[in-house]
Amino acid sequence: MDAPEEPEIFLVDSRLDPARLRRLVAAHFEDMVKYVVDVERAVAAVGGELHADEEALLLEHGSRQEDLWGANYYPGRGPEDCIEYTSLINIRPAQGNRGMFIEDELLRERVREVTFALIGRGEPLE
C-alpha cells in the first residue's frame, strides 16, 4: 500500500518542520518556496505553485483578503536575504500597494516576523 500523498500547500500556525520545508522547496522551484502570510492572525500557507492557491486556502480558513500578503522564501540566504516580498496578489491599489512588491515598510516587517516564527530565518536546509 502506498503512503498517503502529502498536500502541496500547508497551513502553518507554528514552526514548520525543516524536513517538510525541504520537501516543499524541492517540489516546484528547488531554491525557494512561495507562501502567503495572514498578518493579523500570524498564520501562513506554504507551498504550491501560485500565491493565489495559498491565498485561497487561507480565505477558506477564515482569513480576510486585506490581511493576506505573498512572498517567496529562500533557505540558505540568511535573515537579510531570505525573503522576497513580491507576488501578484500584492497588487492592491485600494490598499495603497500598486505593484507586486510590498511597499509599506511596517507591513514588510510584520511579514518578516511571521516568516521568521513559522518558516525560518534563512538557515540552510540540511
PDB file of N, CA and C in Angstrom:
ATOM      1  N   MET A   1       0.848  -1.185   0.000  1.00  0.00           N
ATOM      2  CA  MET A   1       0.000   0.000   0.000  1.00  0.00           C
ATOM      3  C   MET A   1       0.890   1.244   0.000  1.00  0.00           C
ATOM      4  N   ASP A   2       0.564   2.211  -0.867  1.00  0.00           N
ATOM      5  CA  ASP A   2       1.337   3.445  -0.954  1.00  0.00           C
ATOM      6  C   ASP A   2       1.047   4.348   0.235  1.00  0.00           C
ATOM      7  N   ALA A   3       2.069   5.120   0.614  1.00  0.00           N
ATOM      8  CA  ALA A   3       1.882   6.109   1.666  1.00  0.00           C
ATOM      9  C   ALA A   3       0.974   7.215   1.135  1.00  0.00           C
ATOM     10  N   PRO A   4       0.165   7.826   2.011  1.00  0.00           N
ATOM     11  CA  PRO A   4      -0.696   8.911   1.536  1.00  0.00           C
ATOM     12  C   PRO A   4       0.153  10.070   1.013  1.00  0.00           C
ATOM     13  N   GLU A   5      -0.336  10.682  -0.059  1.00  0.00           N
ATOM     14  CA  GLU A   5       0.396  11.796  -0.654  1.00  0.00           C
ATOM     15  C   GLU A   5       0.281  13.026   0.235  1.00  0.00           C
ATOM     16  N   GLU A   6       1.402  13.715   0.397  1.00  0.00           N
ATOM     17  CA  GLU A   6       1.423  14.920   1.213  1.00  0.00           C
ATOM     18  C   GLU A   6       0.768  16.065   0.452  1.00  0.00           C
ATOM     19  N   PRO A   7       0.034  16.935   1.150  1.00  0.00           N
ATOM     20  CA  PRO A   7      -0.538  18.088   0.447  1.00  0.00           C
ATOM     21  C   PRO A   7       0.554  18.988  -0.122  1.00  0.00           C
ATOM     22  N   GLU A   8       0.216  19.725  -1.171  1.00  0.00           N
ATOM     23  CA  GLU A   8       1.163  20.655  -1.787  1.00  0.00           C
ATOM     24  C   GLU A   8       1.316  21.922  -0.978  1.00  0.00           C
ATOM     25  N   ILE A   9       0.251  22.311  -0.275  1.00  0.00           N
ATOM     26  CA  ILE A   9       0.241  23.555   0.487  1.00  0.00           C
ATOM     27  C   ILE A   9      -0.132  23.235   1.931  1.00  0.00           C
ATOM     28  N   PHE A  10       0.631  23.796   2.844  1.00  0.00           N
ATOM     29  CA  PHE A  10       0.383  23.577   4.265  1.00  0.00           C
ATOM     30  C   PHE A  10      -0.012  24.872   4.940  1.00  0.00           C
ATOM     31  N   LEU A  11      -1.026  24.811   5.790  1.00  0.00           N
ATOM     32  CA  LEU A  11      -1.352  25.908   6.683  1.00  0.00           C
ATOM     33  C   LEU A  11      -0.492  25.736   7.917  1.00  0.00           C
ATOM     34  N   VAL A  12       0.194  26.784   8.323  1.00  0.00           N
ATOM     35  CA  VAL A  12       1.056  26.674   9.495  1.00  0.00           C
ATOM     36  C   VAL A  12       0.752  27.790  10.487  1.00  0.00           C
ATOM     37  N   ASP A  13       0.665  27.401  11.758  1.00  0.00           N
ATOM     38  CA  ASP A  13       0.498  28.365  12.835  1.00  0.00           C
ATOM     39  C   ASP A  13       1.570  28.173  13.905  1.00  0.00           C
ATOM     40  N   SER A  14       2.478  27.229  13.639  1.00  0.00           N
ATOM     41  CA  SER A  14       3.661  27.022  14.473  1.00  0.00           C
ATOM     42  C   SER A  14       4.803  26.650  13.530  1.00  0.00           C
ATOM     43  N   ARG A  15       6.001  26.600  14.053  1.00  0.00           N
ATOM     44  CA  ARG A  15       7.190  26.423  13.214  1.00  0.00           C
ATOM     45  C   ARG A  15       7.076  25.201  12.303  1.00  0.00           C
ATOM     46  N   LEU A  16       7.274  25.421  11.021  1.00  0.00           N
ATOM     47  CA  LEU A  16       7.229  24.370  10.006  1.00  0.00           C
ATOM     48  C   LEU A  16       8.406  23.423  10.201  1.00  0.00           C
ATOM     49  N   ASP A  17       8.126  22.148  10.164  1.00  0.00           N
ATOM     50  CA  ASP A  17       9.167  21.137  10.305  1.00  0.00           C
ATOM     51  C   ASP A  17      10.192  21.298   9.179  1.00  0.00           C
ATOM     52  N   PRO A  18      11.501  21.353   9.496  1.00  0.00           N
ATOM     53  CA  PRO A  18      12.524  21.546   8.465  1.00  0.00           C
ATOM     54  C   PRO A  18      12.480  20.495   7.352  1.00  0.00           C
ATOM     55  N   ALA A  19      12.159  19.263   7.684  1.00  0.00           N
ATOM     56  CA  ALA A  19      12.078  18.219   6.655  1.00  0.00           C
ATOM     57  C   ALA A  19      10.931  18.515   5.687  1.00  0.00           C
ATOM     58  N   ARG A  20       9.805  18.983   6.207  1.00  0.00           N
ATOM     59  CA  ARG A  20       8.669  19.340   5.347  1.00  0.00           C
ATOM     60  C   ARG A  20       9.034  20.549   4.488  1.00  0.00           C
ATOM     61  N   LEU A  21       9.708  21.536   5.080  1.00  0.00           N
ATOM     62  CA  LEU A  21      10.138  22.703   4.311  1.00  0.00           C
ATOM     63  C   LEU A  21      11.056  22.279   3.171  1.00  0.00           C
ATOM     64  N   ARG A  22      11.952  21.376   3.436  1.00  0.00           N
ATOM     65  CA  ARG A  22      12.869  20.877   2.408  1.00  0.00           C
ATOM     66  C   ARG A  22      12.083  20.269   1.251  1.00  0.00           C
ATOM     67  N   ARG A  23      11.063  19.467   1.567  1.00  0.00           N
ATOM     68  CA  ARG A  23      10.229  18.853   0.526  1.00  0.00           C
ATOM     69  C   ARG A  23       9.452  19.911  -0.270  1.00  0.00           C
ATOM     70  N   LEU A  24       8.935  20.914   0.418  1.00  0.00           N
ATOM     71  CA  LEU A  24       8.171  21.966  -0.263  1.00  0.00           C
ATOM     72  C   LEU A  24       9.063  22.779  -1.196  1.00  0.00           C
ATOM     73  N   VAL A  25      10.276  23.069  -0.765  1.00  0.00           N
ATOM     74  CA  VAL A  25      11.223  23.808  -1.607  1.00  0.00           C
ATOM     75  C   VAL A  25      11.566  22.979  -2.843  1.00  0.00           C
ATOM     76  N   ALA A  26      11.811  21.709  -2.659  1.00  0.00           N
ATOM     77  CA  ALA A  26      12.204  20.830  -3.771  1.00  0.00           C
ATOM     78  C   ALA A  26      11.050  20.567  -4.741  1.00  0.00           C
ATOM     79  N   ALA A  27       9.826  20.666  -4.279  1.00  0.00           N
ATOM     80  CA  ALA A  27       8.670  20.266  -5.079  1.00  0.00           C
ATOM     81  C   ALA A  27       8.491  21.071  -6.362  1.00  0.00           C
ATOM     82  N   HIS A  28       8.757  22.374  -6.337  1.00  0.00           N
ATOM     83  CA  HIS A  28       8.452  23.193  -7.515  1.00  0.00           C
ATOM     84  C   HIS A  28       9.619  24.040  -8.007  1.00  0.00           C
ATOM     85  N   PHE A  29      10.331  24.676  -7.102  1.00  0.00           N
ATOM     86  CA  PHE A  29      11.280  25.702  -7.532  1.00  0.00           C
ATOM     87  C   PHE A  29      12.737  25.404  -7.176  1.00  0.00           C
ATOM     88  N   GLU A  30      12.978  24.411  -6.356  1.00  0.00           N
ATOM     89  CA  GLU A  30      14.302  23.904  -5.979  1.00  0.00           C
ATOM     90  C   GLU A  30      15.122  24.816  -5.081  1.00  0.00           C
ATOM     91  N   ASP A  31      14.948  26.146  -5.175  1.00  0.00           N
ATOM     92  CA  ASP A  31      15.736  27.027  -4.301  1.00  0.00           C
ATOM     93  C   ASP A  31      14.864  27.919  -3.430  1.00  0.00           C
ATOM     94  N   MET A  32      13.540  27.849  -3.607  1.00  0.00           N
ATOM     95  CA  MET A  32      12.643  28.684  -2.815  1.00  0.00           C
ATOM     96  C   MET A  32      11.260  28.071  -2.740  1.00  0.00           C
ATOM     97  N   VAL A  33      10.446  28.647  -1.833  1.00  0.00           N
ATOM     98  CA  VAL A  33       9.058  28.230  -1.700  1.00  0.00           C
ATOM     99  C   VAL A  33       8.197  29.489  -1.634  1.00  0.00           C
ATOM    100  N   LYS A  34       7.051  29.433  -2.286  1.00  0.00           N
ATOM    101  CA  LYS A  34       6.092  30.543  -2.226  1.00  0.00           C
ATOM    102  C   LYS A  34       5.240  30.375  -0.976  1.00  0.00           C
ATOM    103  N   TYR A  35       4.831  31.518  -0.420  1.00  0.00           N
ATOM    104  CA  TYR A  35       3.960  31.469   0.751  1.00  0.00           C
ATOM    105  C   TYR A  35       3.159  32.753   0.861  1.00  0.00           C
ATOM    106  N   VAL A  36       2.070  32.678   1.634  1.00  0.00           N
ATOM    107  CA  VAL A  36       1.216  33.825   1.897  1.00  0.00           C
ATOM    108  C   VAL A  36       1.028  33.907   3.404  1.00  0.00           C
ATOM    109  N   VAL A  37       1.176  35.129   3.933  1.00  0.00           N
ATOM    110  CA  VAL A  37       1.052  35.373   5.366  1.00  0.00           C
ATOM    111  C   VAL A  37      -0.249  36.124   5.639  1.00  0.00           C
ATOM    112  N   ASP A  38      -0.965  35.702   6.683  1.00  0.00           N
ATOM    113  CA  ASP A  38      -2.065  36.484   7.237  1.00  0.00           C
ATOM    114  C   ASP A  38      -1.443  37.310   8.358  1.00  0.00           C
ATOM    115  N   VAL A  39      -1.273  38.606   8.122  1.00  0.00           N
ATOM    116  CA  VAL A  39      -0.547  39.450   9.061  1.00  0.00           C
ATOM    117  C   VAL A  39      -1.319  39.702  10.350  1.00  0.00           C
ATOM    118  N   GLU A  40      -2.621  39.510  10.348  1.00  0.00           N
ATOM    119  CA  GLU A  40      -3.427  39.690  11.555  1.00  0.00           C
ATOM    120  C   GLU A  40      -3.452  38.432  12.416  1.00  0.00           C
ATOM    121  N   ARG A  41      -3.618  37.283  11.786  1.00  0.00           N
ATOM    122  CA  ARG A  41      -3.741  36.018  12.519  1.00  0.00           C
ATOM    123  C   ARG A  41      -2.403  35.327  12.757  1.00  0.00           C
ATOM    124  N   ALA A  42      -1.328  35.833  12.139  1.00  0.00           N
ATOM    125  CA  ALA A  42       0.016  35.248  12.266  1.00  0.00           C
ATOM    126  C   ALA A  42       0.027  33.774  11.876  1.00  0.00           C
ATOM    127  N   VAL A  43      -0.602  33.475  10.727  1.00  0.00           N
ATOM    128  CA  VAL A  43      -0.568  32.142  10.137  1.00  0.00           C
ATOM    129  C   VAL A  43      -0.090  32.295   8.701  1.00  0.00           C
ATOM    130  N   ALA A  44       0.286  31.177   8.103  1.00  0.00           N
ATOM    131  CA  ALA A  44       0.761  31.222   6.719  1.00  0.00           C
ATOM    132  C   ALA A  44       0.338  29.964   5.983  1.00  0.00           C
ATOM    133  N   ALA A  45       0.259  30.091   4.673  1.00  0.00           N
ATOM    134  CA  ALA A  45       0.086  28.942   3.780  1.00  0.00           C
ATOM    135  C   ALA A  45       1.377  28.848   2.988  1.00  0.00           C
ATOM    136  N   VAL A  46       2.003  27.679   3.004  1.00  0.00           N
ATOM    137  CA  VAL A  46       3.327  27.496   2.419  1.00  0.00           C
ATOM    138  C   VAL A  46       3.288  26.360   1.405  1.00  0.00           C
ATOM    139  N   GLY A  47       3.871  26.594   0.210  1.00  0.00           N
ATOM    140  CA  GLY A  47       3.968  25.558  -0.803  1.00  0.00           C
ATOM    141  C   GLY A  47       3.117  25.878  -2.013  1.00  0.00           C
ATOM    142  N   GLY A  48       3.125  24.986  -2.955  1.00  0.00           N
ATOM    143  CA  GLY A  48       2.342  25.163  -4.175  1.00  0.00           C
ATOM    144  C   GLY A  48       3.056  26.003  -5.210  1.00  0.00           C
ATOM    145  N   GLU A  49       2.401  26.151  -6.349  1.00  0.00           N
ATOM    146  CA  GLU A  49       2.997  26.867  -7.481  1.00  0.00           C
ATOM    147  C   GLU A  49       2.588  28.328  -7.554  1.00  0.00           C
ATOM    148  N   LEU A  50       1.418  28.657  -7.008  1.00  0.00           N
ATOM    149  CA  LEU A  50       0.893  30.015  -7.145  1.00  0.00           C
ATOM    150  C   LEU A  50       0.508  30.594  -5.783  1.00  0.00           C
ATOM    151  N   HIS A  51       0.862  31.849  -5.573  1.00  0.00           N
ATOM    152  CA  HIS A  51       0.435  32.526  -4.351  1.00  0.00           C
ATOM    153  C   HIS A  51      -1.094  32.537  -4.255  1.00  0.00           C
ATOM    154  N   ALA A  52      -1.770  32.606  -5.388  1.00  0.00           N
ATOM    155  CA  ALA A  52      -3.237  32.647  -5.401  1.00  0.00           C
ATOM    156  C   ALA A  52      -3.834  31.382  -4.777  1.00  0.00           C
ATOM    157  N   ASP A  53      -3.183  30.232  -4.951  1.00  0.00           N
ATOM    158  CA  ASP A  53      -3.687  28.994  -4.346  1.00  0.00           C
ATOM    159  C   ASP A  53      -3.549  29.042  -2.825  1.00  0.00           C
ATOM    160  N   GLU A  54      -2.436  29.564  -2.358  1.00  0.00           N
ATOM    161  CA  GLU A  54      -2.235  29.693  -0.908  1.00  0.00           C
ATOM    162  C   GLU A  54      -3.211  30.703  -0.332  1.00  0.00           C
ATOM    163  N   GLU A  55      -3.404  31.805  -1.055  1.00  0.00           N
ATOM    164  CA  GLU A  55      -4.362  32.824  -0.650  1.00  0.00           C
ATOM    165  C   GLU A  55      -5.760  32.217  -0.517  1.00  0.00           C
ATOM    166  N   ALA A  56      -6.174  31.428  -1.499  1.00  0.00           N
ATOM    167  CA  ALA A  56      -7.499  30.792  -1.479  1.00  0.00           C
ATOM    168  C   ALA A  56      -7.652  29.874  -0.271  1.00  0.00           C
ATOM    169  N   LEU A  57      -6.607  29.118   0.051  1.00  0.00           N
ATOM    170  CA  LEU A  57      -6.663  28.217   1.200  1.00  0.00           C
ATOM    171  C   LEU A  57      -6.845  29.009   2.497  1.00  0.00           C
ATOM    172  N   LEU A  58      -6.119  30.096   2.644  1.00  0.00           N
ATOM    173  CA  LEU A  58      -6.257  30.920   3.848  1.00  0.00           C
ATOM    174  C   LEU A  58      -7.652  31.544   3.930  1.00  0.00           C
ATOM    175  N   LEU A  59      -8.181  31.994   2.803  1.00  0.00           N
ATOM    176  CA  LEU A  59      -9.538  32.554   2.797  1.00  0.00           C
ATOM    177  C   LEU A  59     -10.562  31.502   3.220  1.00  0.00           C
ATOM    178  N   GLU A  60     -10.368  30.262   2.774  1.00  0.00           N
ATOM    179  CA  GLU A  60     -11.266  29.164   3.163  1.00  0.00           C
ATOM    180  C   GLU A  60     -11.208  28.901   4.666  1.00  0.00           C
ATOM    181  N   HIS A  61     -10.095  29.269   5.282  1.00  0.00           N
ATOM    182  CA  HIS A  61      -9.908  29.007   6.710  1.00  0.00           C
ATOM    183  C   HIS A  61     -10.036  30.272   7.561  1.00  0.00           C
ATOM    184  N   GLY A  62     -10.805  31.241   7.060  1.00  0.00           N
ATOM    185  CA  GLY A  62     -11.186  32.370   7.895  1.00  0.00           C
ATOM    186  C   GLY A  62     -10.364  33.636   7.783  1.00  0.00           C
ATOM    187  N   SER A  63      -9.382  33.689   6.911  1.00  0.00           N
ATOM    188  CA  SER A  63      -8.599  34.916   6.749  1.00  0.00           C
ATOM    189  C   SER A  63      -9.383  35.942   5.946  1.00  0.00           C
ATOM    190  N   ARG A  64      -9.013  37.204   6.111  1.00  0.00           N
ATOM    191  CA  ARG A  64      -9.605  38.289   5.343  1.00  0.00           C
ATOM    192  C   ARG A  64      -8.622  38.700   4.244  1.00  0.00           C
ATOM    193  N   GLN A  65      -9.152  38.962   3.061  1.00  0.00           N
ATOM    194  CA  GLN A  65      -8.340  39.323   1.896  1.00  0.00           C
ATOM    195  C   GLN A  65      -7.319  40.412   2.210  1.00  0.00           C
ATOM    196  N   GLU A  66      -7.744  41.452   2.884  1.00  0.00           N
ATOM    197  CA  GLU A  66      -6.856  42.601   3.123  1.00  0.00           C
ATOM    198  C   GLU A  66      -5.685  42.281   4.051  1.00  0.00           C
ATOM    199  N   ASP A  67      -5.732  41.138   4.731  1.00  0.00           N
ATOM    200  CA  ASP A  67      -4.668  40.740   5.654  1.00  0.00           C
ATOM    201  C   ASP A  67      -3.644  39.799   5.020  1.00  0.00           C
ATOM    202  N   LEU A  68      -3.859  39.405   3.756  1.00  0.00           N
ATOM    203  CA  LEU A  68      -3.015  38.393   3.112  1.00  0.00           C
ATOM    204  C   LEU A  68      -1.998  39.028   2.179  1.00  0.00           C
ATOM    205  N   TRP A  69      -0.729  38.632   2.368  1.00  0.00           N
ATOM    206  CA  TRP A  69       0.371  39.171   1.571  1.00  0.00           C
ATOM    207  C   TRP A  69       1.306  38.049   1.165  1.00  0.00           C
ATOM    208  N   GLY A  70       1.695  38.052  -0.101  1.00  0.00           N
ATOM    209  CA  GLY A  70       2.516  36.977  -0.652  1.00  0.00           C
ATOM    210  C   GLY A  70       3.993  37.321  -0.681  1.00  0.00           C
ATOM    211  N   ALA A  71       4.811  36.270  -0.559  1.00  0.00           N
ATOM    212  CA  ALA A  71       6.264  36.425  -0.596  1.00  0.00           C
ATOM    213  C   ALA A  71       6.894  35.100  -1.018  1.00  0.00           C
ATOM    214  N   ASN A  72       8.203  35.128  -1.202  1.00  0.00           N
ATOM    215  CA  ASN A  72       8.978  33.928  -1.521  1.00  0.00           C
ATOM    216  C   ASN A  72      10.066  33.786  -0.469  1.00  0.00           C
ATOM    217  N   TYR A  73      10.298  32.548  -0.049  1.00  0.00           N
ATOM    218  CA  TYR A  73      11.303  32.263   0.987  1.00  0.00           C
ATOM    219  C   TYR A  73      12.441  31.450   0.372  1.00  0.00           C
ATOM    220  N   TYR A  74      13.671  31.940   0.579  1.00  0.00           N
ATOM    221  CA  TYR A  74      14.871  31.300   0.052  1.00  0.00           C
ATOM    222  C   TYR A  74      15.729  30.788   1.204  1.00  0.00           C
ATOM    223  N   PRO A  75      15.683  29.492   1.499  1.00  0.00           N
ATOM    224  CA  PRO A  75      16.550  28.965   2.559  1.00  0.00           C
ATOM    225  C   PRO A  75      18.018  29.095   2.179  1.00  0.00           C
ATOM    226  N   GLY A  76      18.850  29.268   3.183  1.00  0.00           N
ATOM    227  CA  GLY A  76      20.284  29.328   2.959  1.00  0.00           C
ATOM    228  C   GLY A  76      20.817  30.712   2.654  1.00  0.00           C
ATOM    229  N   ARG A  77      19.958  31.698   2.575  1.00  0.00           N
ATOM    230  CA  ARG A  77      20.412  33.053   2.247  1.00  0.00           C
ATOM    231  C   ARG A  77      20.585  33.937   3.482  1.00  0.00           C
ATOM    232  N   GLY A  78      20.280  33.413   4.655  1.00  0.00           N
ATOM    233  CA  GLY A  78      20.408  34.203   5.869  1.00  0.00           C
ATOM    234  C   GLY A  78      19.227  35.142   6.075  1.00  0.00           C
ATOM    235  N   PRO A  79      19.117  35.726   7.282  1.00  0.00           N
ATOM    236  CA  PRO A  79      17.942  36.523   7.635  1.00  0.00           C
ATOM    237  C   PRO A  79      17.739  37.786   6.798  1.00  0.00           C
ATOM    238  N   GLU A  80      18.786  38.349   6.247  1.00  0.00           N
ATOM    239  CA  GLU A  80      18.643  39.593   5.480  1.00  0.00           C
ATOM    240  C   GLU A  80      18.175  39.363   4.043  1.00  0.00           C
ATOM    241  N   ASP A  81      18.432  38.187   3.496  1.00  0.00           N
ATOM    242  CA  ASP A  81      18.150  37.955   2.072  1.00  0.00           C
ATOM    243  C   ASP A  81      17.215  36.786   1.786  1.00  0.00           C
ATOM    244  N   CYS A  82      16.588  36.222   2.817  1.00  0.00           N
ATOM    245  CA  CYS A  82      15.771  35.023   2.594  1.00  0.00           C
ATOM    246  C   CYS A  82      14.347  35.319   2.135  1.00  0.00           C
ATOM    247  N   ILE A  83      13.903  36.573   2.247  1.00  0.00           N
ATOM    248  CA  ILE A  83      12.524  36.902   1.882  1.00  0.00           C
ATOM    249  C   ILE A  83      12.500  37.846   0.685  1.00  0.00           C
ATOM    250  N   GLU A  84      11.699  37.474  -0.293  1.00  0.00           N
ATOM    251  CA  GLU A  84      11.418  38.340  -1.438  1.00  0.00           C
ATOM    252  C   GLU A  84       9.941  38.726  -1.317  1.00  0.00           C
ATOM    253  N   TYR A  85       9.683  39.994  -1.074  1.00  0.00           N
ATOM    254  CA  TYR A  85       8.332  40.485  -0.781  1.00  0.00           C
ATOM    255  C   TYR A  85       7.565  40.796  -2.067  1.00  0.00           C
ATOM    256  N   THR A  86       7.501  39.848  -2.971  1.00  0.00           N
ATOM    257  CA  THR A  86       6.914  40.082  -4.284  1.00  0.00           C
ATOM    258  C   THR A  86       5.904  38.993  -4.622  1.00  0.00           C
ATOM    259  N   SER A  87       4.718  39.426  -5.063  1.00  0.00           N
ATOM    260  CA  SER A  87       3.685  38.489  -5.501  1.00  0.00           C
ATOM    261  C   SER A  87       2.607  39.257  -6.259  1.00  0.00           C
ATOM    262  N   LEU A  88       1.994  38.587  -7.213  1.00  0.00           N
ATOM    263  CA  LEU A  88       0.866  39.205  -7.926  1.00  0.00           C
ATOM    264  C   LEU A  88      -0.278  39.549  -6.983  1.00  0.00           C
ATOM    265  N   ILE A  89      -0.480  38.758  -5.927  1.00  0.00           N
ATOM    266  CA  ILE A  89      -1.602  39.040  -5.023  1.00  0.00           C
ATOM    267  C   ILE A  89      -1.385  40.320  -4.227  1.00  0.00           C
ATOM    268  N   ASN A  90      -0.163  40.864  -4.248  1.00  0.00           N
ATOM    269  CA  ASN A  90       0.124  42.088  -3.501  1.00  0.00           C
ATOM    270  C   ASN A  90      -0.305  43.354  -4.248  1.00  0.00           C
ATOM    271  N   ILE A  91      -0.719  43.209  -5.492  1.00  0.00           N
ATOM    272  CA  ILE A  91      -1.178  44.378  -6.246  1.00  0.00           C
ATOM    273  C   ILE A  91      -2.550  44.758  -5.704  1.00  0.00           C
ATOM    274  N   ARG A  92      -2.570  45.817  -4.908  1.00  0.00           N
ATOM    275  CA  ARG A  92      -3.794  46.246  -4.226  1.00  0.00           C
ATOM    276  C   ARG A  92      -3.889  47.764  -4.214  1.00  0.00           C
ATOM    277  N   PRO A  93      -4.237  48.380  -5.322  1.00  0.00           N
ATOM    278  CA  PRO A  93      -4.325  49.845  -5.348  1.00  0.00           C
ATOM    279  C   PRO A  93      -5.236  50.412  -4.251  1.00  0.00           C
ATOM    280  N   ALA A  94      -6.329  49.725  -3.932  1.00  0.00           N
ATOM    281  CA  ALA A  94      -7.249  50.215  -2.903  1.00  0.00           C
ATOM    282  C   ALA A  94      -6.600  50.263  -1.520  1.00  0.00           C
ATOM    283  N   GLN A  95      -5.543  49.456  -1.322  1.00  0.00           N
ATOM    284  CA  GLN A  95      -4.821  49.447  -0.060  1.00  0.00           C
ATOM    285  C   GLN A  95      -3.494  50.198  -0.177  1.00  0.00           C
ATOM    286  N   GLY A  96      -3.314  50.913  -1.273  1.00  0.00           N
ATOM    287  CA  GLY A  96      -2.119  51.718  -1.447  1.00  0.00           C
ATOM    288  C   GLY A  96      -0.899  50.956  -1.938  1.00  0.00           C
ATOM    289  N   ASN A  97      -1.081  49.718  -2.368  1.00  0.00           N
ATOM    290  CA  ASN A  97       0.038  48.919  -2.883  1.00  0.00           C
ATOM    291  C   ASN A  97      -0.192  48.709  -4.378  1.00  0.00           C
ATOM    292  N   ARG A  98       0.503  49.475  -5.194  1.00  0.00           N
ATOM    293  CA  ARG A  98       0.236  49.487  -6.632  1.00  0.00           C
ATOM    294  C   ARG A  98       1.022  48.460  -7.434  1.00  0.00           C
ATOM    295  N   GLY A  99       2.020  47.845  -6.812  1.00  0.00           N
ATOM    296  CA  GLY A  99       2.832  46.867  -7.533  1.00  0.00           C
ATOM    297  C   GLY A  99       2.894  45.534  -6.805  1.00  0.00           C
ATOM    298  N   MET A 100       3.722  44.644  -7.328  1.00  0.00           N
ATOM    299  CA  MET A 100       3.854  43.306  -6.744  1.00  0.00           C
ATOM    300  C   MET A 100       4.648  43.315  -5.444  1.00  0.00           C
ATOM    301  N   PHE A 101       5.523  44.304  -5.258  1.00  0.00           N
ATOM    302  CA  PHE A 101       6.357  44.404  -4.061  1.00  0.00           C
ATOM    303  C   PHE A 101       5.549  45.030  -2.922  1.00  0.00           C
ATOM    304  N   ILE A 102       5.680  44.493  -1.712  1.00  0.00           N
ATOM    305  CA  ILE A 102       5.006  45.076  -0.543  1.00  0.00           C
ATOM    306  C   ILE A 102       5.719  46.387  -0.223  1.00  0.00           C
ATOM    307  N   GLU A 103       5.056  47.489  -0.487  1.00  0.00           N
ATOM    308  CA  GLU A 103       5.681  48.803  -0.379  1.00  0.00           C
ATOM    309  C   GLU A 103       5.757  49.324   1.056  1.00  0.00           C
ATOM    310  N   ASP A 104       4.795  49.003   1.893  1.00  0.00           N
ATOM    311  CA  ASP A 104       4.736  49.519   3.259  1.00  0.00           C
ATOM    312  C   ASP A 104       5.785  48.830   4.137  1.00  0.00           C
ATOM    313  N   GLU A 105       6.686  49.616   4.697  1.00  0.00           N
ATOM    314  CA  GLU A 105       7.778  49.061   5.495  1.00  0.00           C
ATOM    315  C   GLU A 105       7.276  48.320   6.741  1.00  0.00           C
ATOM    316  N   LEU A 106       6.253  48.849   7.401  1.00  0.00           N
ATOM    317  CA  LEU A 106       5.712  48.180   8.596  1.00  0.00           C
ATOM    318  C   LEU A 106       5.057  46.850   8.228  1.00  0.00           C
ATOM    319  N   LEU A 107       4.400  46.811   7.092  1.00  0.00           N
ATOM    320  CA  LEU A 107       3.791  45.572   6.612  1.00  0.00           C
ATOM    321  C   LEU A 107       4.864  44.544   6.275  1.00  0.00           C
ATOM    322  N   ARG A 108       5.947  44.984   5.618  1.00  0.00           N
ATOM    323  CA  ARG A 108       7.061  44.058   5.343  1.00  0.00           C
ATOM    324  C   ARG A 108       7.644  43.525   6.646  1.00  0.00           C
ATOM    325  N   GLU A 109       7.772  44.369   7.653  1.00  0.00           N
ATOM    326  CA  GLU A 109       8.312  43.920   8.941  1.00  0.00           C
ATOM    327  C   GLU A 109       7.402  42.874   9.574  1.00  0.00           C
ATOM    328  N   ARG A 110       6.091  43.054   9.450  1.00  0.00           N
ATOM    329  CA  ARG A 110       5.147  42.073  10.010  1.00  0.00           C
ATOM    330  C   ARG A 110       5.261  40.746   9.252  1.00  0.00           C
ATOM    331  N   VAL A 111       5.354  40.808   7.928  1.00  0.00           N
ATOM    332  CA  VAL A 111       5.543  39.582   7.140  1.00  0.00           C
ATOM    333  C   VAL A 111       6.842  38.894   7.571  1.00  0.00           C
ATOM    334  N   ARG A 112       7.879  39.676   7.785  1.00  0.00           N
ATOM    335  CA  ARG A 112       9.176  39.135   8.220  1.00  0.00           C
ATOM    336  C   ARG A 112       9.061  38.444   9.579  1.00  0.00           C
ATOM    337  N   GLU A 113       8.383  39.071  10.528  1.00  0.00           N
ATOM    338  CA  GLU A 113       8.196  38.479  11.861  1.00  0.00           C
ATOM    339  C   GLU A 113       7.505  37.122  11.766  1.00  0.00           C
ATOM    340  N   VAL A 114       6.416  37.075  11.002  1.00  0.00           N
ATOM    341  CA  VAL A 114       5.659  35.822  10.870  1.00  0.00           C
ATOM    342  C   VAL A 114       6.504  34.783  10.135  1.00  0.00           C
ATOM    343  N   THR A 115       7.225  35.199   9.113  1.00  0.00           N
ATOM    344  CA  THR A 115       8.103  34.284   8.370  1.00  0.00           C
ATOM    345  C   THR A 115       9.143  33.671   9.303  1.00  0.00           C
ATOM    346  N   PHE A 116       9.821  34.494  10.082  1.00  0.00           N
ATOM    347  CA  PHE A 116      10.861  34.002  10.985  1.00  0.00           C
ATOM    348  C   PHE A 116      10.271  33.057  12.031  1.00  0.00           C
ATOM    349  N   ALA A 117       9.061  33.328  12.492  1.00  0.00           N
ATOM    350  CA  ALA A 117       8.432  32.490  13.511  1.00  0.00           C
ATOM    351  C   ALA A 117       7.949  31.148  12.939  1.00  0.00           C
ATOM    352  N   LEU A 118       7.429  31.164  11.705  1.00  0.00           N
ATOM    353  CA  LEU A 118       6.774  29.972  11.164  1.00  0.00           C
ATOM    354  C   LEU A 118       7.585  29.194  10.148  1.00  0.00           C
ATOM    355  N   ILE A 119       8.441  29.860   9.385  1.00  0.00           N
ATOM    356  CA  ILE A 119       9.137  29.189   8.286  1.00  0.00           C
ATOM    357  C   ILE A 119      10.645  29.084   8.549  1.00  0.00           C
ATOM    358  N   GLY A 120      11.258  30.198   8.873  1.00  0.00           N
ATOM    359  CA  GLY A 120      12.691  30.178   9.140  1.00  0.00           C
ATOM    360  C   GLY A 120      13.311  31.544   8.998  1.00  0.00           C
ATOM    361  N   ARG A 121      14.599  31.603   9.316  1.00  0.00           N
ATOM    362  CA  ARG A 121      15.378  32.843   9.267  1.00  0.00           C
ATOM    363  C   ARG A 121      16.447  32.763   8.178  1.00  0.00           C
ATOM    364  N   GLY A 122      16.177  31.958   7.155  1.00  0.00           N
ATOM    365  CA  GLY A 122      17.127  31.830   6.065  1.00  0.00           C
ATOM    366  C   GLY A 122      18.226  30.817   6.298  1.00  0.00           C
ATOM    367  N   GLU A 123      18.011  29.933   7.263  1.00  0.00           N
ATOM    368  CA  GLU A 123      19.004  28.892   7.534  1.00  0.00           C
ATOM    369  C   GLU A 123      19.099  27.951   6.340  1.00  0.00           C
ATOM    370  N   PRO A 124      20.282  27.366   6.141  1.00  0.00           N
ATOM    371  CA  PRO A 124      20.404  26.353   5.063  1.00  0.00           C
ATOM    372  C   PRO A 124      19.559  25.119   5.377  1.00  0.00           C
ATOM    373  N   LEU A 125      19.067  24.487   4.346  1.00  0.00           N
ATOM    374  CA  LEU A 125      18.366  23.217   4.524  1.00  0.00           C
ATOM    375  C   LEU A 125      19.408  22.122   4.601  1.00  0.00           C
ATOM    376  N   GLU A 126      19.321  21.295   5.584  1.00  0.00           N
ATOM    377  CA  GLU A 126      20.324  20.250   5.787  1.00  0.00           C
ATOM    378  C   GLU A 126      19.920  18.976   5.071  1.00  0.00           C
TER     379      GLU A 126
END
